[in-house]
C-alpha atoms as a PDB file:
ATOM      1  CA  UNK A   1     -13.076  26.633  -3.247  1.00  0.00           C
ATOM      2  CA  UNK A   2     -10.499  29.410  -2.955  1.00  0.00           C
ATOM      3  CA  UNK A   3     -10.012  28.644   0.744  1.00  0.00           C
ATOM      4  CA  UNK A   4      -9.322  24.968   0.014  1.00  0.00           C
ATOM      5  CA  UNK A   5      -6.754  25.816  -2.665  1.00  0.00           C
ATOM      6  CA  UNK A   6      -5.091  28.339  -0.378  1.00  0.00           C
ATOM      7  CA  UNK A   7      -5.002  25.828   2.496  1.00  0.00           C
ATOM      8  CA  UNK A   8      -3.521  23.160   0.214  1.00  0.00           C
ATOM      9  CA  UNK A   9      -0.827  25.555  -1.025  1.00  0.00           C
ATOM     10  CA  UNK A  10       0.058  26.604   2.520  1.00  0.00           C
ATOM     11  CA  UNK A  11       0.242  22.992   3.672  1.00  0.00           C
ATOM     12  CA  UNK A  12       2.450  22.122   0.694  1.00  0.00           C
ATOM     13  CA  UNK A  13       4.770  25.054   1.358  1.00  0.00           C
ATOM     14  CA  UNK A  14       5.093  24.107   5.025  1.00  0.00           C
ATOM     15  CA  UNK A  15       5.794  20.481   4.125  1.00  0.00           C
ATOM     16  CA  UNK A  16       8.499  21.503   1.629  1.00  0.00           C
ATOM     17  CA  UNK A  17      10.090  23.749   4.243  1.00  0.00           C
ATOM     18  CA  UNK A  18      10.225  20.944   6.782  1.00  0.00           C
ATOM     19  CA  UNK A  19      11.678  18.452   4.330  1.00  0.00           C
ATOM     20  CA  UNK A  20      14.409  20.737   2.985  1.00  0.00           C
ATOM     21  CA  UNK A  21      15.716  21.868   6.398  1.00  0.00           C
ATOM     22  CA  UNK A  22      16.485  18.854   8.572  1.00  0.00           C
ATOM     23  CA  UNK A  23      17.846  19.710  11.987  1.00  0.00           C
ATOM     24  CA  UNK A  24      19.615  17.416  14.390  1.00  0.00           C
ATOM     25  CA  UNK A  25      21.270  17.904  17.750  1.00  0.00           C
ATOM     26  CA  UNK A  26      24.697  16.721  16.617  1.00  0.00           C
ATOM     27  CA  UNK A  27      24.884  19.424  13.938  1.00  0.00           C
ATOM     28  CA  UNK A  28      24.879  22.180  16.560  1.00  0.00           C
ATOM     29  CA  UNK A  29      28.326  23.627  17.226  1.00  0.00           C
ATOM     30  CA  UNK A  30      28.690  24.895  20.754  1.00  0.00           C
ATOM     31  CA  UNK A  31      31.466  27.360  21.464  1.00  0.00           C
ATOM     32  CA  UNK A  32      33.662  28.308  24.373  1.00  0.00           C
ATOM     33  CA  UNK A  33      31.625  30.175  26.947  1.00  0.00           C
ATOM     34  CA  UNK A  34      28.342  28.478  26.072  1.00  0.00           C
ATOM     35  CA  UNK A  35      28.390  26.361  29.234  1.00  0.00           C
ATOM     36  CA  UNK A  36      24.734  25.327  29.209  1.00  0.00           C
ATOM     37  CA  UNK A  37      24.945  24.576  25.464  1.00  0.00           C
ATOM     38  CA  UNK A  38      21.892  26.558  24.391  1.00  0.00           C
ATOM     39  CA  UNK A  39      23.679  28.206  21.452  1.00  0.00           C
ATOM     40  CA  UNK A  40      24.456  31.576  23.056  1.00  0.00           C
ATOM     41  CA  UNK A  41      26.510  33.120  25.840  1.00  0.00           C
ATOM     42  CA  UNK A  42      24.249  34.704  28.419  1.00  0.00           C
ATOM     43  CA  UNK A  43      23.632  35.117  32.135  1.00  0.00           C
ATOM     44  CA  UNK A  44      22.799  31.430  32.526  1.00  0.00           C
ATOM     45  CA  UNK A  45      26.326  30.524  31.412  1.00  0.00           C
ATOM     46  CA  UNK A  46      27.803  33.008  33.876  1.00  0.00           C
ATOM     47  CA  UNK A  47      25.766  31.509  36.721  1.00  0.00           C
ATOM     48  CA  UNK A  48      26.713  27.964  35.712  1.00  0.00           C
ATOM     49  CA  UNK A  49      30.413  28.867  35.736  1.00  0.00           C
ATOM     50  CA  UNK A  50      30.078  30.567  39.095  1.00  0.00           C
ATOM     51  CA  UNK A  51      28.208  27.581  40.537  1.00  0.00           C
ATOM     52  CA  UNK A  52      30.929  25.203  39.341  1.00  0.00           C
ATOM     53  CA  UNK A  53      33.599  27.378  40.917  1.00  0.00           C
ATOM     54  CA  UNK A  54      31.643  27.727  44.162  1.00  0.00           C
ATOM     55  CA  UNK A  55      30.570  24.098  44.519  1.00  0.00           C
ATOM     56  CA  UNK A  56      33.839  22.456  43.552  1.00  0.00           C
ATOM     57  CA  UNK A  57      36.517  24.967  44.465  1.00  0.00           C
ATOM     58  CA  UNK A  58      35.064  26.742  47.468  1.00  0.00           C
ATOM     59  CA  UNK A  59      32.705  24.088  48.810  1.00  0.00           C
ATOM     60  CA  UNK A  60      34.826  21.012  48.133  1.00  0.00           C
ATOM     61  CA  UNK A  61      31.788  19.250  46.632  1.00  0.00           C
ATOM     62  CA  UNK A  62      31.576  17.210  43.468  1.00  0.00           C
ATOM     63  CA  UNK A  63      31.512  18.957  40.110  1.00  0.00           C
ATOM     64  CA  UNK A  64      28.308  20.820  39.323  1.00  0.00           C
ATOM     65  CA  UNK A  65      28.970  20.650  35.561  1.00  0.00           C
ATOM     66  CA  UNK A  66      29.823  17.832  33.179  1.00  0.00           C
ATOM     67  CA  UNK A  67      33.319  17.514  31.728  1.00  0.00           C
ATOM     68  CA  UNK A  68      32.129  18.962  28.413  1.00  0.00           C
ATOM     69  CA  UNK A  69      30.554  21.959  30.147  1.00  0.00           C
ATOM     70  CA  UNK A  70      33.719  22.535  32.182  1.00  0.00           C
ATOM     71  CA  UNK A  71      35.726  22.535  28.950  1.00  0.00           C
ATOM     72  CA  UNK A  72      33.394  25.180  27.507  1.00  0.00           C
ATOM     73  CA  UNK A  73      33.674  27.337  30.622  1.00  0.00           C
ATOM     74  CA  UNK A  74      37.467  27.198  30.738  1.00  0.00           C
ATOM     75  CA  UNK A  75      38.070  30.311  28.615  1.00  0.00           C
ATOM     76  CA  UNK A  76      41.748  30.958  29.277  1.00  0.00           C
ATOM     77  CA  UNK A  77      44.243  28.255  28.348  1.00  0.00           C
ATOM     78  CA  UNK A  78      46.051  26.745  31.304  1.00  0.00           C
ATOM     79  CA  UNK A  79      44.170  28.818  33.898  1.00  0.00           C
ATOM     80  CA  UNK A  80      43.969  26.399  36.770  1.00  0.00           C
ATOM     81  CA  UNK A  81      43.642  27.212  40.445  1.00  0.00           C
ATOM     82  CA  UNK A  82      44.912  24.949  43.207  1.00  0.00           C
ATOM     83  CA  UNK A  83      43.610  25.048  46.729  1.00  0.00           C
ATOM     84  CA  UNK A  84      43.901  22.911  49.835  1.00  0.00           C
ATOM     85  CA  UNK A  85      40.347  22.146  50.912  1.00  0.00           C
ATOM     86  CA  UNK A  86      39.605  20.918  54.422  1.00  0.00           C
ATOM     87  CA  UNK A  87      35.922  20.226  53.911  1.00  0.00           C
ATOM     88  CA  UNK A  88      35.042  17.772  55.264  1.00  0.00           C
ATOM     89  CA  UNK A  89      37.609  18.347  57.997  1.00  0.00           C
ATOM     90  CA  UNK A  90      38.439  14.652  58.386  1.00  0.00           C
ATOM     91  CA  UNK A  91      39.381  14.307  54.686  1.00  0.00           C
ATOM     92  CA  UNK A  92      41.421  17.317  53.536  1.00  0.00           C
ATOM     93  CA  UNK A  93      42.445  17.337  49.876  1.00  0.00           C
ATOM     94  CA  UNK A  94      44.098  19.503  47.280  1.00  0.00           C
ATOM     95  CA  UNK A  95      41.903  20.281  44.294  1.00  0.00           C
ATOM     96  CA  UNK A  96      42.447  21.942  40.955  1.00  0.00           C
ATOM     97  CA  UNK A  97      39.634  23.723  39.181  1.00  0.00           C
ATOM     98  CA  UNK A  98      39.669  24.677  35.507  1.00  0.00           C
ATOM     99  CA  UNK A  99      36.884  27.249  35.654  1.00  0.00           C
ATOM    100  CA  UNK A 100      38.378  30.119  37.609  1.00  0.00           C
ATOM    101  CA  UNK A 101      36.925  33.445  38.680  1.00  0.00           C
ATOM    102  CA  UNK A 102      38.870  35.001  35.801  1.00  0.00           C
ATOM    103  CA  UNK A 103      36.953  32.772  33.357  1.00  0.00           C
ATOM    104  CA  UNK A 104      33.640  33.751  34.967  1.00  0.00           C
ATOM    105  CA  UNK A 105      34.627  37.427  34.866  1.00  0.00           C
ATOM    106  CA  UNK A 106      35.486  37.162  31.159  1.00  0.00           C
ATOM    107  CA  UNK A 107      32.099  35.564  30.468  1.00  0.00           C
ATOM    108  CA  UNK A 108      30.368  38.382  32.321  1.00  0.00           C
ATOM    109  CA  UNK A 109      32.394  41.060  30.544  1.00  0.00           C
ATOM    110  CA  UNK A 110      31.778  39.514  27.112  1.00  0.00           C
ATOM    111  CA  UNK A 111      28.040  39.212  27.767  1.00  0.00           C
ATOM    112  CA  UNK A 112      27.805  42.815  28.997  1.00  0.00           C
ATOM    113  CA  UNK A 113      29.706  44.172  26.002  1.00  0.00           C
ATOM    114  CA  UNK A 114      27.630  42.037  23.608  1.00  0.00           C
ATOM    115  CA  UNK A 115      24.437  43.559  24.986  1.00  0.00           C
ATOM    116  CA  UNK A 116      25.715  46.996  23.971  1.00  0.00           C
ATOM    117  CA  UNK A 117      27.357  45.929  20.703  1.00  0.00           C
ATOM    118  CA  UNK A 118      25.277  43.208  18.955  1.00  0.00           C
ATOM    119  CA  UNK A 119      28.052  42.623  16.399  1.00  0.00           C
ATOM    120  CA  UNK A 120      30.206  41.222  19.203  1.00  0.00           C
ATOM    121  CA  UNK A 121      27.789  38.282  19.518  1.00  0.00           C
ATOM    122  CA  UNK A 122      29.152  36.979  16.216  1.00  0.00           C
ATOM    123  CA  UNK A 123      32.726  36.981  17.516  1.00  0.00           C
ATOM    124  CA  UNK A 124      34.177  33.991  19.348  1.00  0.00           C
ATOM    125  CA  UNK A 125      34.888  34.768  23.007  1.00  0.00           C
ATOM    126  CA  UNK A 126      38.449  33.426  22.766  1.00  0.00           C
ATOM    127  CA  UNK A 127      39.228  35.732  19.832  1.00  0.00           C
ATOM    128  CA  UNK A 128      37.602  38.604  21.718  1.00  0.00           C
ATOM    129  CA  UNK A 129      39.804  37.988  24.792  1.00  0.00           C
ATOM    130  CA  UNK A 130      42.926  37.784  22.608  1.00  0.00           C
ATOM    131  CA  UNK A 131      42.080  41.139  20.992  1.00  0.00           C
ATOM    132  CA  UNK A 132      40.714  43.003  24.003  1.00  0.00           C
ATOM    133  CA  UNK A 133      43.254  41.822  26.564  1.00  0.00           C
ATOM    134  CA  UNK A 134      46.385  40.421  24.894  1.00  0.00           C
ATOM    135  CA  UNK A 135      48.458  40.721  28.089  1.00  0.00           C
ATOM    136  CA  UNK A 136      46.060  38.478  29.989  1.00  0.00           C
ATOM    137  CA  UNK A 137      45.934  35.959  27.149  1.00  0.00           C
ATOM    138  CA  UNK A 138      49.742  35.879  26.880  1.00  0.00           C
ATOM    139  CA  UNK A 139      50.032  35.224  30.623  1.00  0.00           C
ATOM    140  CA  UNK A 140      47.992  32.001  30.369  1.00  0.00           C
ATOM    141  CA  UNK A 141      48.839  30.867  26.855  1.00  0.00           C
ATOM    142  CA  UNK A 142      50.762  27.594  26.748  1.00  0.00           C
END
């Protein structure tokens, strides 16, 4: 009898918890730097930014990331890189990439510092760049 009452109470508590905390994908707020949109800045975001830079800028291929992911990886305002790409050789073109190696470096630096200082994980990467490197931010600010 006691086991049945306990099981009923546990089931009721779990049901109440599920009802009172609805979760939906559109409620999630992704931030700058969270390229893969998993809710945190980590090594996967660094690799995604580097792949985008390598595929599009260096390799002359199509974008690796979606437009929304590119926007999240573009940490510095107005940091664009232009390059004349001759791949394939019969169709040379000038391209502009928004995720630069500086953006990827900032992601890597932020992630490394956040591993040492967990409080940094709560700070927005843009605010962190403004505070930690104001000269760099001022160079690219519109």
